[in-house]
Amino acid sequence: MPPQDKDEVRELASFGSAVLPLLPGPSGDGTADALVVETFAQVGDETAIEPLARFTGDDDKRLRRALVSPCGRSAVVSR
């Protein structure tokens, strides 16, 4: 059930933390994994931190960008 596009990311994230256990772990597909990471980030719940950590070992640029992107947004918002 990984999201297939940004619209599905938003839709899944709208369910909040209830959707987190349903999201898959790393698949090795950088695009699919980045969409899963974006879903975790949009949920914005502390319970997303542990599952997000499973994605940190991959060198795929799309995935790394998805992992770092939420950090930059929160830093800007908190200023």
Protein backbone atom coordinates (compact mmCIF):
# COMPACT_ATOMS: atom_id res chain seq x y z
CA MET A 1 0.00 0.00 0.00
CA PRO A 2 2.68 2.53 -0.65
CA PRO A 3 1.31 5.79 -2.02
CA GLN A 4 1.69 6.04 -5.79
CA ASP A 5 1.85 9.84 -6.06
CA LYS A 6 1.73 13.08 -4.05
CA ASP A 7 -2.08 13.07 -4.00
CA GLU A 8 -2.10 9.65 -2.33
CA VAL A 9 0.56 10.88 0.13
CA ARG A 10 -1.78 13.70 1.22
CA GLU A 11 -4.79 11.39 1.35
CA LEU A 12 -3.02 8.78 3.48
CA ALA A 13 -1.50 11.42 5.77
CA SER A 14 -4.97 12.83 6.40
CA PHE A 15 -5.72 9.68 8.44
CA GLY A 16 -3.02 10.70 10.91
CA SER A 17 -1.00 8.26 12.96
CA ALA A 18 -3.52 5.46 12.33
CA VAL A 19 -2.00 4.96 8.87
CA LEU A 20 1.61 4.62 10.07
CA PRO A 21 1.55 0.86 10.85
CA LEU A 22 0.10 0.19 7.40
CA LEU A 23 2.94 1.84 5.50
CA PRO A 24 5.68 -0.45 4.17
CA GLY A 25 9.34 -0.35 5.06
CA PRO A 26 12.13 0.25 2.56
CA SER A 27 11.63 -1.49 -0.77
CA GLY A 28 14.81 -0.46 -2.55
CA ASP A 29 12.79 1.64 -5.00
CA GLY A 30 13.89 5.21 -4.29
CA THR A 31 10.77 6.79 -5.74
CA ALA A 32 8.34 4.55 -3.83
CA ASP A 33 10.35 4.85 -0.62
CA ALA A 34 10.46 8.65 -0.92
CA LEU A 35 6.66 8.76 -1.16
CA VAL A 36 6.36 6.61 1.97
CA VAL A 37 8.80 8.91 3.81
CA GLU A 38 6.79 11.95 2.70
CA THR A 39 3.66 10.32 4.10
CA PHE A 40 5.35 9.76 7.47
CA ALA A 41 6.52 13.38 7.44
CA GLN A 42 3.10 14.79 6.59
CA VAL A 43 1.52 12.84 9.42
CA GLY A 44 3.95 14.74 11.62
CA ASP A 45 3.51 12.49 14.63
CA GLU A 46 6.31 11.40 16.98
CA THR A 47 5.38 7.80 16.28
CA ALA A 48 6.68 8.31 12.72
CA ILE A 49 10.27 8.80 13.89
CA GLU A 50 11.10 5.15 14.50
CA PRO A 51 9.71 3.89 11.17
CA LEU A 52 11.49 6.73 9.37
CA ALA A 53 14.81 5.52 10.78
CA ARG A 54 14.47 2.33 8.70
CA PHE A 55 14.95 4.42 5.56
CA THR A 56 18.21 6.14 6.54
CA GLY A 57 20.64 3.53 5.20
CA ASP A 58 19.83 4.03 1.52
CA ASP A 59 21.99 6.18 -0.75
CA ASP A 60 19.21 7.02 -3.23
CA LYS A 61 19.12 10.79 -3.72
CA ARG A 62 15.31 10.96 -3.95
CA LEU A 63 15.00 9.15 -0.65
CA ARG A 64 17.63 11.28 1.07
CA ARG A 65 15.90 14.43 -0.16
CA ALA A 66 12.58 13.18 1.24
CA LEU A 67 14.22 12.40 4.59
CA VAL A 68 15.88 15.80 4.91
CA SER A 69 13.08 17.94 3.49
CA PRO A 70 10.78 17.83 6.55
CA CYS A 71 13.66 18.97 8.76
CA GLY A 72 14.20 22.08 6.68
CA ARG A 73 10.52 22.98 6.70
CA SER A 74 10.21 22.67 10.47
CA ALA A 75 13.35 24.75 11.01
CA VAL A 76 11.90 27.54 8.88
CA VAL A 77 8.52 27.41 10.60
CA SER A 78 10.03 27.51 14.09
CA ARG A 79 11.98 30.75 13.51
